[in-house]
Amino acid sequence: MSIGSGIVLFVIGAVLRFALTIRLAWIDVALVGDIFMAAGVVVFVLGLIYTFRRRRSTSTRRTVVAPDDGEKIVRQTRRIDDTEL
């Protein structure tokens, strides 16, 4: 979501900066466009960082049944993170 938001902010900023020729006395439209483009780049980069840093894990659990009383016994529990590989 943040990668798309960064792209949208950048595009809106580029439109404000380069495509509009409106002059308003109370706001500088080109400066607002520059701010939106800078914010879009920051949000895009942060989105990429968080996407690549996301940890994915796999849990493996093996359960066996004891032959004498039928009770389940957990023999092994193992968790594998991408950082361990």
Protein backbone atom coordinates (compact mmCIF):
# COMPACT_ATOMS: atom_id res chain seq x y z
CA MET A 1 0.00 0.00 0.00
CA SER A 2 2.76 2.45 0.84
CA ILE A 3 4.55 1.88 -2.46
CA GLY A 4 1.40 2.83 -4.35
CA SER A 5 0.83 5.80 -2.07
CA GLY A 6 4.34 7.04 -2.77
CA ILE A 7 3.78 6.79 -6.51
CA VAL A 8 0.46 8.64 -6.25
CA LEU A 9 2.02 11.42 -4.17
CA PHE A 10 4.86 11.77 -6.67
CA VAL A 11 2.50 11.93 -9.64
CA ILE A 12 0.28 14.52 -7.97
CA GLY A 13 3.36 16.55 -7.13
CA ALA A 14 4.65 16.34 -10.69
CA VAL A 15 1.30 17.52 -12.04
CA LEU A 16 1.28 20.44 -9.62
CA ARG A 17 4.89 21.32 -10.42
CA PHE A 18 5.05 20.92 -14.19
CA ALA A 19 1.55 20.79 -15.67
CA LEU A 20 -0.34 23.54 -13.91
CA THR A 21 0.26 27.18 -14.73
CA ILE A 22 -2.14 28.58 -12.14
CA ARG A 23 -0.84 31.47 -10.08
CA LEU A 24 -2.41 32.01 -6.72
CA ALA A 25 -1.54 34.86 -4.37
CA TRP A 26 -1.82 32.81 -1.20
CA ILE A 27 0.07 29.63 -2.23
CA ASP A 28 2.98 28.68 -4.46
CA VAL A 29 1.67 25.70 -6.46
CA ALA A 30 5.13 24.72 -7.72
CA LEU A 31 6.47 24.54 -4.17
CA VAL A 32 3.54 22.37 -3.09
CA GLY A 33 4.31 20.10 -6.05
CA ASP A 34 7.95 19.85 -4.97
CA ILE A 35 6.87 18.93 -1.44
CA PHE A 36 4.48 16.26 -2.74
CA MET A 37 7.18 14.78 -4.98
CA ALA A 38 9.69 14.67 -2.10
CA ALA A 39 7.11 13.06 0.19
CA GLY A 40 6.26 10.54 -2.54
CA VAL A 41 9.90 9.52 -2.87
CA VAL A 42 10.26 9.12 0.90
CA VAL A 43 7.07 7.04 1.19
CA PHE A 44 8.09 4.90 -1.80
CA VAL A 45 11.55 4.17 -0.38
CA LEU A 46 10.16 3.38 3.08
CA GLY A 47 7.61 1.06 1.48
CA LEU A 48 10.38 -0.80 -0.35
CA ILE A 49 12.44 -1.11 2.82
CA TYR A 50 9.51 -2.48 4.83
CA THR A 51 8.55 -4.86 2.04
CA PHE A 52 12.02 -6.39 1.82
CA ARG A 53 12.48 -6.52 5.59
CA ARG A 54 9.24 -8.39 6.21
CA ARG A 55 10.00 -11.61 7.97
CA ARG A 56 8.42 -14.76 6.73
CA SER A 57 8.47 -17.76 9.01
CA THR A 58 7.57 -21.40 8.77
CA SER A 59 6.67 -23.47 11.81
CA THR A 60 6.98 -27.23 11.80
CA ARG A 61 5.38 -29.32 14.49
CA ARG A 62 5.37 -33.09 14.67
CA THR A 63 2.92 -34.80 17.01
CA VAL A 64 2.99 -38.51 17.78
CA VAL A 65 0.58 -40.68 19.72
CA ALA A 66 1.98 -42.68 22.58
CA PRO A 67 1.30 -46.39 22.02
CA ASP A 68 0.51 -47.23 25.65
CA ASP A 69 -2.16 -44.65 26.60
CA GLY A 70 -3.03 -42.91 23.31
CA GLU A 71 -1.96 -39.49 24.53
CA LYS A 72 -0.51 -37.06 22.02
CA ILE A 73 3.10 -36.05 22.63
CA VAL A 74 4.82 -33.18 20.85
CA ARG A 75 8.20 -34.45 19.75
CA GLN A 76 9.60 -31.53 17.82
CA THR A 77 8.78 -27.89 17.35
CA ARG A 78 10.92 -25.90 14.98
CA ARG A 79 10.55 -22.40 13.66
CA ILE A 80 12.46 -21.26 10.59
CA ASP A 81 12.82 -17.56 9.83
CA ASP A 82 14.19 -16.18 6.59
CA THR A 83 16.99 -14.61 8.61
CA GLU A 84 18.22 -18.07 9.66
CA LEU A 85 18.63 -19.35 6.12
